[in-house]
Amino acid sequence: VPNLRFPGFEGEWKTKKLGLFIDIISGIPLQSEDIQVDESGIRILRGINITEGFIRHNKEIDRYYPKPITDKFQKFILEENDLVLGMDGSKVGKNVALISNLDVGSILIQRVAKIKALENADINFIFQKIYSERFQRYVDVVNTSSGIPHISLQQIKDFESNFPATLPEQKKVANFLSLLDQRIQTQNKII
């Protein structure tokens, strides 16, 4: 149980694997001829678009899928509040963000994980767990660094952390930490 706790919550926090709280998939592998710079297609969300806490876009990194979406693509289409995590590269484990309205409908490409919270979890709480230094240290230990660091879906699911006994407490903690993140971002902009 944390030393400081919001009033009204009881029960022990327990160490559990992240996989008990999430549904996770990796993006679709596309052929190089299916990836274009022309903005007339559907935006593809690649690992390079994900940075520490947010999604970035510019003409140099954005890519598009020029063909109509078929049924095989449906599970790779991003929805608001999906959590995305870059699975390889020098910042593996650090490049994580929540999908906002701007990226709804984008296609998730391979080597990027899409995480959805199950009914027993709050996606913002999961984001805070994955965006933590503890998760980054875990990734540094388990990543397969045969040239390019990489983490697998199973390794993400196997990450262990403390979870509160109830979903309302997860939401309360996540809201508080999100407010702190917003204040830090505001201060950084001022500076």
N, C-alpha and C. Protein backbone atom coordinates (compact mmCIF):
# COMPACT_ATOMS: atom_id res chain seq x y z
N VAL A 1 0.85 -1.18 0.00
CA VAL A 1 0.00 0.00 0.00
C VAL A 1 0.89 1.24 0.00
N PRO A 2 0.61 2.22 -0.85
CA PRO A 2 1.42 3.43 -0.88
C PRO A 2 1.38 4.18 0.46
N ASN A 3 2.46 4.93 0.76
CA ASN A 3 2.50 5.70 2.00
C ASN A 3 1.41 6.76 2.03
N LEU A 4 1.21 7.45 0.91
CA LEU A 4 0.14 8.43 0.78
C LEU A 4 -0.97 7.80 -0.05
N ARG A 5 -2.20 8.04 0.37
CA ARG A 5 -3.31 7.42 -0.34
C ARG A 5 -4.51 8.34 -0.30
N PHE A 6 -5.30 8.35 -1.38
CA PHE A 6 -6.52 9.13 -1.38
C PHE A 6 -7.48 8.55 -0.35
N PRO A 7 -8.21 9.42 0.37
CA PRO A 7 -9.14 8.91 1.38
C PRO A 7 -10.27 8.10 0.76
N GLY A 8 -10.76 7.15 1.52
CA GLY A 8 -11.90 6.34 1.09
C GLY A 8 -11.55 5.05 0.39
N PHE A 9 -10.28 4.79 0.17
CA PHE A 9 -9.88 3.56 -0.51
C PHE A 9 -9.21 2.62 0.47
N GLU A 10 -9.55 1.37 0.35
CA GLU A 10 -8.97 0.34 1.22
C GLU A 10 -8.52 -0.83 0.37
N GLY A 11 -7.86 -1.77 1.02
CA GLY A 11 -7.41 -2.96 0.33
C GLY A 11 -5.96 -2.81 -0.09
N GLU A 12 -5.29 -3.92 -0.15
CA GLU A 12 -3.88 -3.95 -0.49
C GLU A 12 -3.68 -3.75 -1.99
N TRP A 13 -2.65 -2.99 -2.33
CA TRP A 13 -2.18 -2.96 -3.70
C TRP A 13 -1.39 -4.24 -3.90
N LYS A 14 -1.54 -4.86 -5.05
CA LYS A 14 -0.85 -6.13 -5.30
C LYS A 14 0.00 -6.03 -6.55
N THR A 15 1.14 -6.73 -6.52
CA THR A 15 2.01 -6.80 -7.68
C THR A 15 1.42 -7.81 -8.66
N LYS A 16 1.15 -7.32 -9.87
CA LYS A 16 0.54 -8.16 -10.90
C LYS A 16 1.17 -7.85 -12.24
N LYS A 17 1.04 -8.79 -13.16
CA LYS A 17 1.54 -8.58 -14.52
C LYS A 17 0.58 -7.67 -15.29
N LEU A 18 1.16 -6.80 -16.09
CA LEU A 18 0.38 -5.87 -16.90
C LEU A 18 -0.60 -6.61 -17.82
N GLY A 19 -0.22 -7.78 -18.27
CA GLY A 19 -1.06 -8.57 -19.18
C GLY A 19 -2.44 -8.91 -18.63
N LEU A 20 -2.61 -8.84 -17.30
CA LEU A 20 -3.91 -9.10 -16.69
C LEU A 20 -4.88 -7.93 -16.88
N PHE A 21 -4.36 -6.79 -17.35
CA PHE A 21 -5.16 -5.58 -17.43
C PHE A 21 -5.29 -5.02 -18.84
N ILE A 22 -4.61 -5.65 -19.81
CA ILE A 22 -4.59 -5.07 -21.16
C ILE A 22 -4.85 -6.09 -22.25
N ASP A 23 -5.28 -5.57 -23.39
CA ASP A 23 -5.31 -6.30 -24.65
C ASP A 23 -4.29 -5.59 -25.52
N ILE A 24 -3.39 -6.34 -26.14
CA ILE A 24 -2.29 -5.73 -26.88
C ILE A 24 -2.08 -6.44 -28.21
N ILE A 25 -1.83 -5.64 -29.26
CA ILE A 25 -1.49 -6.20 -30.58
C ILE A 25 -0.37 -5.36 -31.17
N SER A 26 0.31 -5.93 -32.13
CA SER A 26 1.31 -5.21 -32.91
C SER A 26 0.67 -4.82 -34.24
N GLY A 27 1.18 -3.76 -34.85
CA GLY A 27 0.61 -3.25 -36.09
C GLY A 27 0.77 -4.19 -37.27
N ILE A 28 0.18 -3.80 -38.37
CA ILE A 28 0.16 -4.61 -39.59
C ILE A 28 1.44 -4.37 -40.40
N PRO A 29 2.03 -5.45 -40.93
CA PRO A 29 3.18 -5.24 -41.82
C PRO A 29 2.68 -4.82 -43.20
N LEU A 30 3.16 -3.70 -43.66
CA LEU A 30 2.79 -3.21 -45.00
C LEU A 30 3.96 -3.35 -45.95
N GLN A 31 3.67 -3.58 -47.20
CA GLN A 31 4.70 -3.61 -48.24
C GLN A 31 5.16 -2.18 -48.50
N SER A 32 6.40 -2.02 -48.89
CA SER A 32 6.93 -0.67 -49.12
C SER A 32 6.13 0.09 -50.18
N GLU A 33 5.59 -0.63 -51.17
CA GLU A 33 4.79 0.05 -52.20
C GLU A 33 3.44 0.53 -51.67
N ASP A 34 3.05 0.05 -50.47
CA ASP A 34 1.80 0.48 -49.85
C ASP A 34 1.99 1.67 -48.91
N ILE A 35 3.19 2.20 -48.86
CA ILE A 35 3.49 3.35 -48.00
C ILE A 35 3.93 4.49 -48.89
N GLN A 36 3.24 5.62 -48.79
CA GLN A 36 3.57 6.75 -49.65
C GLN A 36 3.64 8.05 -48.86
N VAL A 37 4.26 9.05 -49.48
CA VAL A 37 4.39 10.38 -48.88
C VAL A 37 3.18 11.23 -49.22
N ASP A 38 2.51 10.92 -50.33
CA ASP A 38 1.33 11.67 -50.79
C ASP A 38 0.25 11.63 -49.72
N GLU A 39 -0.24 12.78 -49.32
CA GLU A 39 -1.21 12.89 -48.23
C GLU A 39 -2.63 12.47 -48.61
N SER A 40 -2.83 11.92 -49.80
CA SER A 40 -4.19 11.58 -50.23
C SER A 40 -4.71 10.29 -49.59
N GLY A 41 -3.85 9.52 -48.95
CA GLY A 41 -4.28 8.26 -48.35
C GLY A 41 -4.62 8.39 -46.87
N ILE A 42 -4.66 7.27 -46.21
CA ILE A 42 -4.94 7.20 -44.77
C ILE A 42 -3.61 7.26 -44.02
N ARG A 43 -3.55 8.09 -43.00
CA ARG A 43 -2.31 8.27 -42.25
C ARG A 43 -1.89 6.96 -41.59
N ILE A 44 -0.60 6.68 -41.66
CA ILE A 44 -0.01 5.52 -41.01
C ILE A 44 0.71 6.01 -39.76
N LEU A 45 0.46 5.37 -38.63
CA LEU A 45 1.17 5.73 -37.41
C LEU A 45 2.36 4.79 -37.27
N ARG A 46 3.55 5.37 -37.37
CA ARG A 46 4.79 4.60 -37.28
C ARG A 46 5.50 4.93 -35.97
N GLY A 47 6.49 4.13 -35.63
CA GLY A 47 7.25 4.36 -34.42
C GLY A 47 7.88 5.74 -34.37
N ILE A 48 8.30 6.25 -35.52
CA ILE A 48 8.93 7.57 -35.57
C ILE A 48 7.96 8.69 -35.20
N ASN A 49 6.65 8.45 -35.33
CA ASN A 49 5.66 9.45 -34.97
C ASN A 49 5.45 9.54 -33.45
N ILE A 50 5.82 8.49 -32.75
CA ILE A 50 5.57 8.45 -31.30
C ILE A 50 6.82 8.92 -30.57
N THR A 51 6.63 9.89 -29.72
CA THR A 51 7.74 10.35 -28.90
C THR A 51 7.28 10.34 -27.44
N GLU A 52 8.08 10.80 -26.57
CA GLU A 52 7.84 10.66 -25.13
C GLU A 52 6.59 11.40 -24.67
N GLY A 53 5.46 10.71 -24.70
CA GLY A 53 4.21 11.25 -24.20
C GLY A 53 3.25 11.81 -25.22
N PHE A 54 3.68 11.94 -26.47
CA PHE A 54 2.76 12.48 -27.47
C PHE A 54 3.10 11.98 -28.87
N ILE A 55 2.19 12.27 -29.81
CA ILE A 55 2.34 11.91 -31.22
C ILE A 55 2.77 13.18 -31.96
N ARG A 56 3.75 13.04 -32.83
CA ARG A 56 4.21 14.19 -33.60
C ARG A 56 4.00 13.92 -35.09
N HIS A 57 3.76 15.00 -35.82
CA HIS A 57 3.55 14.92 -37.26
C HIS A 57 4.30 16.04 -37.95
N ASN A 58 4.88 15.71 -39.10
CA ASN A 58 5.42 16.71 -40.02
C ASN A 58 5.62 16.03 -41.37
N LYS A 59 5.86 16.81 -42.38
CA LYS A 59 5.97 16.28 -43.75
C LYS A 59 7.11 15.29 -43.92
N GLU A 60 8.17 15.42 -43.14
CA GLU A 60 9.32 14.54 -43.28
C GLU A 60 9.05 13.13 -42.76
N ILE A 61 8.20 12.99 -41.75
CA ILE A 61 8.01 11.66 -41.15
C ILE A 61 6.66 11.03 -41.44
N ASP A 62 5.66 11.81 -41.81
CA ASP A 62 4.33 11.25 -42.03
C ASP A 62 4.28 10.43 -43.32
N ARG A 63 3.57 9.30 -43.24
CA ARG A 63 3.37 8.43 -44.39
C ARG A 63 1.89 8.04 -44.45
N TYR A 64 1.47 7.60 -45.66
CA TYR A 64 0.06 7.34 -45.91
C TYR A 64 -0.13 6.03 -46.66
N TYR A 65 -1.30 5.42 -46.44
CA TYR A 65 -1.69 4.19 -47.13
C TYR A 65 -2.69 4.59 -48.22
N PRO A 66 -2.37 4.30 -49.51
CA PRO A 66 -3.18 4.81 -50.62
C PRO A 66 -4.42 3.99 -51.00
N LYS A 67 -4.57 2.81 -50.42
CA LYS A 67 -5.65 1.92 -50.87
C LYS A 67 -6.84 1.98 -49.92
N PRO A 68 -7.99 1.45 -50.37
CA PRO A 68 -9.16 1.38 -49.47
C PRO A 68 -8.89 0.40 -48.31
N ILE A 69 -9.52 0.66 -47.19
CA ILE A 69 -9.36 -0.19 -46.01
C ILE A 69 -10.26 -1.42 -46.17
N THR A 70 -9.67 -2.58 -45.97
CA THR A 70 -10.42 -3.83 -46.03
C THR A 70 -10.65 -4.35 -44.61
N ASP A 71 -11.41 -5.44 -44.49
CA ASP A 71 -11.71 -6.01 -43.17
C ASP A 71 -10.46 -6.41 -42.40
N LYS A 72 -9.41 -6.85 -43.11
CA LYS A 72 -8.20 -7.29 -42.42
C LYS A 72 -7.51 -6.14 -41.69
N PHE A 73 -7.84 -4.91 -42.05
CA PHE A 73 -7.22 -3.74 -41.43
C PHE A 73 -7.96 -3.26 -40.18
N GLN A 74 -9.20 -3.69 -39.98
CA GLN A 74 -10.04 -3.10 -38.94
C GLN A 74 -9.40 -3.10 -37.55
N LYS A 75 -8.74 -4.17 -37.17
CA LYS A 75 -8.15 -4.21 -35.82
C LYS A 75 -6.91 -3.33 -35.70
N PHE A 76 -6.40 -2.83 -36.82
CA PHE A 76 -5.21 -1.96 -36.82
C PHE A 76 -5.57 -0.48 -36.94
N ILE A 77 -6.85 -0.16 -36.99
CA ILE A 77 -7.31 1.22 -37.06
C ILE A 77 -7.36 1.78 -35.63
N LEU A 78 -6.74 2.92 -35.43
CA LEU A 78 -6.63 3.48 -34.08
C LEU A 78 -7.88 4.24 -33.67
N GLU A 79 -8.21 4.12 -32.39
CA GLU A 79 -9.35 4.80 -31.81
C GLU A 79 -8.86 5.71 -30.69
N GLU A 80 -9.68 6.66 -30.33
CA GLU A 80 -9.31 7.58 -29.25
C GLU A 80 -9.02 6.79 -27.97
N ASN A 81 -7.99 7.18 -27.27
CA ASN A 81 -7.52 6.58 -26.01
C ASN A 81 -6.88 5.21 -26.17
N ASP A 82 -6.60 4.80 -27.41
CA ASP A 82 -5.69 3.66 -27.55
C ASP A 82 -4.33 4.14 -27.08
N LEU A 83 -3.59 3.27 -26.47
CA LEU A 83 -2.22 3.61 -26.06
C LEU A 83 -1.29 2.97 -27.07
N VAL A 84 -0.35 3.72 -27.59
CA VAL A 84 0.60 3.19 -28.57
C VAL A 84 2.01 3.26 -27.99
N LEU A 85 2.79 2.24 -28.32
CA LEU A 85 4.14 2.11 -27.77
C LEU A 85 5.08 1.64 -28.87
N GLY A 86 6.14 2.42 -29.12
CA GLY A 86 7.16 2.00 -30.07
C GLY A 86 7.91 0.81 -29.51
N MET A 87 8.02 -0.27 -30.29
CA MET A 87 8.61 -1.52 -29.79
C MET A 87 10.07 -1.68 -30.15
N ASP A 88 10.65 -0.76 -30.91
CA ASP A 88 12.08 -0.86 -31.19
C ASP A 88 12.69 0.51 -31.41
N GLY A 89 14.01 0.53 -31.47
CA GLY A 89 14.73 1.78 -31.64
C GLY A 89 15.45 2.20 -30.37
N SER A 90 16.19 3.27 -30.47
CA SER A 90 17.01 3.70 -29.34
C SER A 90 16.19 4.13 -28.13
N LYS A 91 14.93 4.53 -28.35
CA LYS A 91 14.08 4.95 -27.24
C LYS A 91 12.97 3.93 -26.97
N VAL A 92 13.26 2.66 -27.21
CA VAL A 92 12.26 1.62 -26.96
C VAL A 92 11.83 1.70 -25.50
N GLY A 93 10.53 1.65 -25.28
CA GLY A 93 9.99 1.74 -23.94
C GLY A 93 9.72 3.16 -23.48
N LYS A 94 10.30 4.14 -24.14
CA LYS A 94 10.09 5.54 -23.77
C LYS A 94 9.08 6.21 -24.69
N ASN A 95 9.00 5.74 -25.92
CA ASN A 95 8.09 6.33 -26.90
C ASN A 95 6.71 5.72 -26.75
N VAL A 96 5.89 6.41 -25.98
CA VAL A 96 4.54 5.95 -25.66
C VAL A 96 3.61 7.15 -25.64
N ALA A 97 2.37 6.98 -26.11
CA ALA A 97 1.41 8.09 -26.12
C ALA A 97 -0.01 7.54 -26.20
N LEU A 98 -0.95 8.38 -25.80
CA LEU A 98 -2.36 8.07 -25.96
C LEU A 98 -2.86 8.71 -27.26
N ILE A 99 -3.71 8.02 -27.96
CA ILE A 99 -4.25 8.51 -29.23
C ILE A 99 -5.33 9.56 -28.95
N SER A 100 -5.19 10.71 -29.62
CA SER A 100 -6.19 11.78 -29.50
C SER A 100 -7.04 11.80 -30.77
N ASN A 101 -7.99 12.73 -30.83
CA ASN A 101 -8.87 12.86 -32.00
C ASN A 101 -8.10 13.00 -33.30
N LEU A 102 -6.96 13.67 -33.26
CA LEU A 102 -6.17 13.93 -34.46
C LEU A 102 -5.73 12.64 -35.16
N ASP A 103 -5.48 11.59 -34.38
CA ASP A 103 -4.96 10.35 -34.96
C ASP A 103 -5.98 9.22 -35.05
N VAL A 104 -7.21 9.50 -34.68
CA VAL A 104 -8.27 8.49 -34.83
C VAL A 104 -8.41 8.14 -36.30
N GLY A 105 -8.46 6.85 -36.60
CA GLY A 105 -8.60 6.40 -37.98
C GLY A 105 -7.28 6.10 -38.66
N SER A 106 -6.17 6.41 -38.01
CA SER A 106 -4.85 6.09 -38.57
C SER A 106 -4.63 4.58 -38.52
N ILE A 107 -3.73 4.10 -39.37
CA ILE A 107 -3.38 2.68 -39.41
C ILE A 107 -2.13 2.46 -38.57
N LEU A 108 -2.18 1.46 -37.72
CA LEU A 108 -1.03 1.09 -36.90
C LEU A 108 -0.13 0.16 -37.69
N ILE A 109 1.15 0.51 -37.80
CA ILE A 109 2.09 -0.30 -38.56
C ILE A 109 2.89 -1.20 -37.63
N GLN A 110 3.51 -2.24 -38.20
CA GLN A 110 4.29 -3.20 -37.40
C GLN A 110 5.36 -2.50 -36.57
N ARG A 111 5.77 -3.16 -35.53
CA ARG A 111 6.77 -2.68 -34.56
C ARG A 111 6.24 -1.54 -33.70
N VAL A 112 4.93 -1.36 -33.72
CA VAL A 112 4.27 -0.44 -32.80
C VAL A 112 3.14 -1.24 -32.15
N ALA A 113 3.05 -1.16 -30.82
CA ALA A 113 2.00 -1.88 -30.09
C ALA A 113 0.80 -0.97 -29.86
N LYS A 114 -0.39 -1.56 -29.95
CA LYS A 114 -1.63 -0.87 -29.58
C LYS A 114 -2.16 -1.55 -28.33
N ILE A 115 -2.37 -0.77 -27.30
CA ILE A 115 -2.81 -1.31 -26.01
C ILE A 115 -4.16 -0.73 -25.66
N LYS A 116 -5.08 -1.62 -25.29
CA LYS A 116 -6.40 -1.23 -24.80
C LYS A 116 -6.54 -1.77 -23.39
N ALA A 117 -7.16 -1.00 -22.53
CA ALA A 117 -7.41 -1.46 -21.17
C ALA A 117 -8.60 -2.41 -21.16
N LEU A 118 -8.48 -3.47 -20.37
CA LEU A 118 -9.61 -4.36 -20.16
C LEU A 118 -10.57 -3.70 -19.18
N GLU A 119 -11.69 -4.36 -18.89
CA GLU A 119 -12.71 -3.78 -18.01
C GLU A 119 -12.20 -3.52 -16.60
N ASN A 120 -11.15 -4.22 -16.19
CA ASN A 120 -10.63 -4.08 -14.82
C ASN A 120 -9.54 -3.01 -14.72
N ALA A 121 -9.36 -2.20 -15.78
CA ALA A 121 -8.26 -1.23 -15.78
C ALA A 121 -8.68 0.09 -16.42
N ASP A 122 -7.97 1.13 -16.02
CA ASP A 122 -8.15 2.46 -16.59
C ASP A 122 -6.96 2.74 -17.52
N ILE A 123 -7.23 3.14 -18.76
CA ILE A 123 -6.15 3.32 -19.74
C ILE A 123 -5.17 4.41 -19.30
N ASN A 124 -5.65 5.43 -18.61
CA ASN A 124 -4.75 6.48 -18.13
C ASN A 124 -3.82 5.97 -17.04
N PHE A 125 -4.31 5.05 -16.22
CA PHE A 125 -3.47 4.43 -15.19
C PHE A 125 -2.41 3.55 -15.87
N ILE A 126 -2.82 2.80 -16.89
CA ILE A 126 -1.88 1.96 -17.64
C ILE A 126 -0.83 2.85 -18.31
N PHE A 127 -1.26 3.98 -18.89
CA PHE A 127 -0.31 4.92 -19.48
C PHE A 127 0.73 5.36 -18.45
N GLN A 128 0.29 5.71 -17.26
CA GLN A 128 1.23 6.15 -16.21
C GLN A 128 2.21 5.03 -15.85
N LYS A 129 1.75 3.80 -15.83
CA LYS A 129 2.64 2.66 -15.53
C LYS A 129 3.69 2.49 -16.63
N ILE A 130 3.25 2.59 -17.89
CA ILE A 130 4.17 2.36 -19.01
C ILE A 130 5.08 3.57 -19.22
N TYR A 131 4.61 4.76 -18.90
CA TYR A 131 5.41 5.96 -19.09
C TYR A 131 6.31 6.24 -17.88
N SER A 132 6.49 5.26 -17.04
CA SER A 132 7.28 5.43 -15.82
C SER A 132 8.73 5.03 -16.01
N GLU A 133 9.59 5.55 -15.15
CA GLU A 133 11.01 5.15 -15.17
C GLU A 133 11.15 3.66 -14.86
N ARG A 134 10.27 3.13 -14.04
CA ARG A 134 10.33 1.71 -13.69
C ARG A 134 10.15 0.83 -14.93
N PHE A 135 9.19 1.19 -15.78
CA PHE A 135 8.98 0.44 -17.02
C PHE A 135 10.19 0.59 -17.93
N GLN A 136 10.75 1.78 -18.00
CA GLN A 136 11.91 2.00 -18.86
C GLN A 136 13.12 1.19 -18.38
N ARG A 137 13.31 1.08 -17.07
CA ARG A 137 14.40 0.25 -16.55
C ARG A 137 14.15 -1.22 -16.88
N TYR A 138 12.89 -1.65 -16.77
CA TYR A 138 12.51 -3.03 -17.13
C TYR A 138 12.85 -3.30 -18.59
N VAL A 139 12.49 -2.38 -19.48
CA VAL A 139 12.76 -2.54 -20.91
C VAL A 139 14.26 -2.62 -21.15
N ASP A 140 15.04 -1.80 -20.46
CA ASP A 140 16.49 -1.84 -20.62
C ASP A 140 17.06 -3.21 -20.28
N VAL A 141 16.44 -3.90 -19.34
CA VAL A 141 16.92 -5.23 -18.93
C VAL A 141 16.48 -6.31 -19.91
N VAL A 142 15.22 -6.25 -20.37
CA VAL A 142 14.68 -7.36 -21.18
C VAL A 142 14.80 -7.17 -22.68
N ASN A 143 15.12 -5.96 -23.15
CA ASN A 143 15.10 -5.77 -24.61
C ASN A 143 16.15 -6.62 -25.29
N THR A 144 15.80 -7.04 -26.48
CA THR A 144 16.71 -7.86 -27.28
C THR A 144 17.53 -6.91 -28.13
N SER A 145 18.73 -6.63 -27.70
CA SER A 145 19.53 -5.63 -28.41
C SER A 145 20.55 -6.28 -29.33
N SER A 146 20.05 -6.90 -30.37
CA SER A 146 20.93 -7.45 -31.40
C SER A 146 21.08 -6.40 -32.49
N GLY A 147 21.65 -5.27 -32.13
CA GLY A 147 21.78 -4.16 -33.07
C GLY A 147 20.75 -3.09 -32.75
N ILE A 148 19.48 -3.37 -33.00
CA ILE A 148 18.41 -2.42 -32.72
C ILE A 148 17.63 -2.94 -31.50
N PRO A 149 17.59 -2.17 -30.40
CA PRO A 149 16.83 -2.61 -29.23
C PRO A 149 15.36 -2.86 -29.58
N HIS A 150 14.79 -3.91 -29.02
CA HIS A 150 13.42 -4.31 -29.32
C HIS A 150 12.79 -4.94 -28.07
N ILE A 151 11.50 -4.76 -27.92
CA ILE A 151 10.74 -5.43 -26.86
C ILE A 151 9.55 -6.13 -27.50
N SER A 152 9.22 -7.30 -27.01
CA SER A 152 8.12 -8.08 -27.59
C SER A 152 6.80 -7.80 -26.87
N LEU A 153 5.71 -8.22 -27.50
CA LEU A 153 4.39 -8.09 -26.87
C LEU A 153 4.36 -8.86 -25.54
N GLN A 154 4.95 -10.05 -25.53
CA GLN A 154 4.95 -10.86 -24.31
C GLN A 154 5.74 -10.18 -23.20
N GLN A 155 6.85 -9.56 -23.54
CA GLN A 155 7.63 -8.86 -22.52
C GLN A 155 6.85 -7.68 -21.93
N ILE A 156 6.07 -7.01 -22.76
CA ILE A 156 5.22 -5.92 -22.26
C ILE A 156 4.19 -6.49 -21.30
N LYS A 157 3.55 -7.59 -21.68
CA LYS A 157 2.54 -8.22 -20.82
C LYS A 157 3.13 -8.72 -19.51
N ASP A 158 4.40 -9.13 -19.54
CA ASP A 158 5.05 -9.69 -18.35
C ASP A 158 5.54 -8.64 -17.35
N PHE A 159 5.49 -7.36 -17.70
CA PHE A 159 5.91 -6.30 -16.79
C PHE A 159 5.06 -6.35 -15.53
N GLU A 160 5.72 -6.39 -14.38
CA GLU A 160 5.02 -6.44 -13.10
C GLU A 160 5.05 -5.09 -12.41
N SER A 161 3.92 -4.72 -11.83
CA SER A 161 3.81 -3.46 -11.10
C SER A 161 2.70 -3.59 -10.06
N ASN A 162 2.63 -2.60 -9.18
CA ASN A 162 1.60 -2.60 -8.14
C ASN A 162 0.32 -1.99 -8.68
N PHE A 163 -0.78 -2.66 -8.39
CA PHE A 163 -2.09 -2.19 -8.81
C PHE A 163 -3.03 -2.10 -7.61
N PRO A 164 -3.84 -1.03 -7.57
CA PRO A 164 -4.81 -0.91 -6.48
C PRO A 164 -5.88 -1.98 -6.57
N ALA A 165 -6.57 -2.16 -5.47
CA ALA A 165 -7.60 -3.20 -5.40
C ALA A 165 -8.82 -2.87 -6.25
N THR A 166 -9.06 -1.57 -6.52
CA THR A 166 -10.28 -1.20 -7.23
C THR A 166 -10.00 -0.31 -8.44
N LEU A 167 -10.90 -0.36 -9.39
CA LEU A 167 -10.82 0.49 -10.59
C LEU A 167 -11.00 1.97 -10.24
N PRO A 168 -11.92 2.35 -9.34
CA PRO A 168 -12.03 3.76 -8.98
C PRO A 168 -10.73 4.35 -8.42
N GLU A 169 -9.96 3.58 -7.69
CA GLU A 169 -8.69 4.09 -7.18
C GLU A 169 -7.69 4.26 -8.32
N GLN A 170 -7.69 3.35 -9.28
CA GLN A 170 -6.84 3.52 -10.46
C GLN A 170 -7.16 4.85 -11.14
N LYS A 171 -8.44 5.12 -11.33
CA LYS A 171 -8.86 6.34 -12.01
C LYS A 171 -8.45 7.58 -11.23
N LYS A 172 -8.60 7.54 -9.92
CA LYS A 172 -8.24 8.68 -9.07
C LYS A 172 -6.73 8.96 -9.17
N VAL A 173 -5.91 7.92 -9.09
CA VAL A 173 -4.46 8.07 -9.17
C VAL A 173 -4.07 8.58 -10.56
N ALA A 174 -4.66 8.00 -11.60
CA ALA A 174 -4.34 8.41 -12.97
C ALA A 174 -4.70 9.86 -13.22
N ASN A 175 -5.87 10.30 -12.74
CA ASN A 175 -6.29 11.70 -12.92
C ASN A 175 -5.31 12.64 -12.23
N PHE A 176 -4.89 12.30 -11.03
CA PHE A 176 -3.95 13.12 -10.28
C PHE A 176 -2.61 13.23 -11.03
N LEU A 177 -2.09 12.08 -11.47
CA LEU A 177 -0.81 12.09 -12.19
C LEU A 177 -0.91 12.82 -13.53
N SER A 178 -2.06 12.72 -14.20
CA SER A 178 -2.27 13.45 -15.46
C SER A 178 -2.26 14.95 -15.23
N LEU A 179 -2.87 15.40 -14.13
CA LEU A 179 -2.84 16.82 -13.79
C LEU A 179 -1.42 17.30 -13.56
N LEU A 180 -0.63 16.48 -12.85
CA LEU A 180 0.78 16.84 -12.64
C LEU A 180 1.52 16.93 -13.97
N ASP A 181 1.29 15.97 -14.86
CA ASP A 181 1.93 16.00 -16.18
C ASP A 181 1.57 17.28 -16.94
N GLN A 182 0.30 17.69 -16.88
CA GLN A 182 -0.14 18.90 -17.57
C GLN A 182 0.54 20.14 -16.99
N ARG A 183 0.67 20.18 -15.67
CA ARG A 183 1.34 21.32 -15.03
C ARG A 183 2.81 21.38 -15.45
N ILE A 184 3.46 20.23 -15.50
CA ILE A 184 4.87 20.19 -15.90
C ILE A 184 5.02 20.67 -17.34
N GLN A 185 4.12 20.22 -18.23
CA GLN A 185 4.17 20.66 -19.63
C GLN A 185 3.97 22.16 -19.74
N THR A 186 3.04 22.70 -18.96
CA THR A 186 2.79 24.13 -18.98
C THR A 186 4.01 24.90 -18.51
N GLN A 187 4.63 24.44 -17.44
CA GLN A 187 5.84 25.10 -16.94
C GLN A 187 6.98 25.03 -17.95
N ASN A 188 7.12 23.89 -18.61
CA ASN A 188 8.16 23.76 -19.64
C ASN A 188 7.94 24.74 -20.78
N LYS A 189 6.68 24.95 -21.18
CA LYS A 189 6.38 25.91 -22.24
C LYS A 189 6.72 27.33 -21.79
N ILE A 190 6.41 27.64 -20.55
CA ILE A 190 6.71 28.97 -20.00
C ILE A 190 8.22 29.21 -20.00
N ILE A 191 8.96 28.19 -19.56
CA ILE A 191 10.42 28.29 -19.50
C ILE A 191 10.99 28.43 -20.90
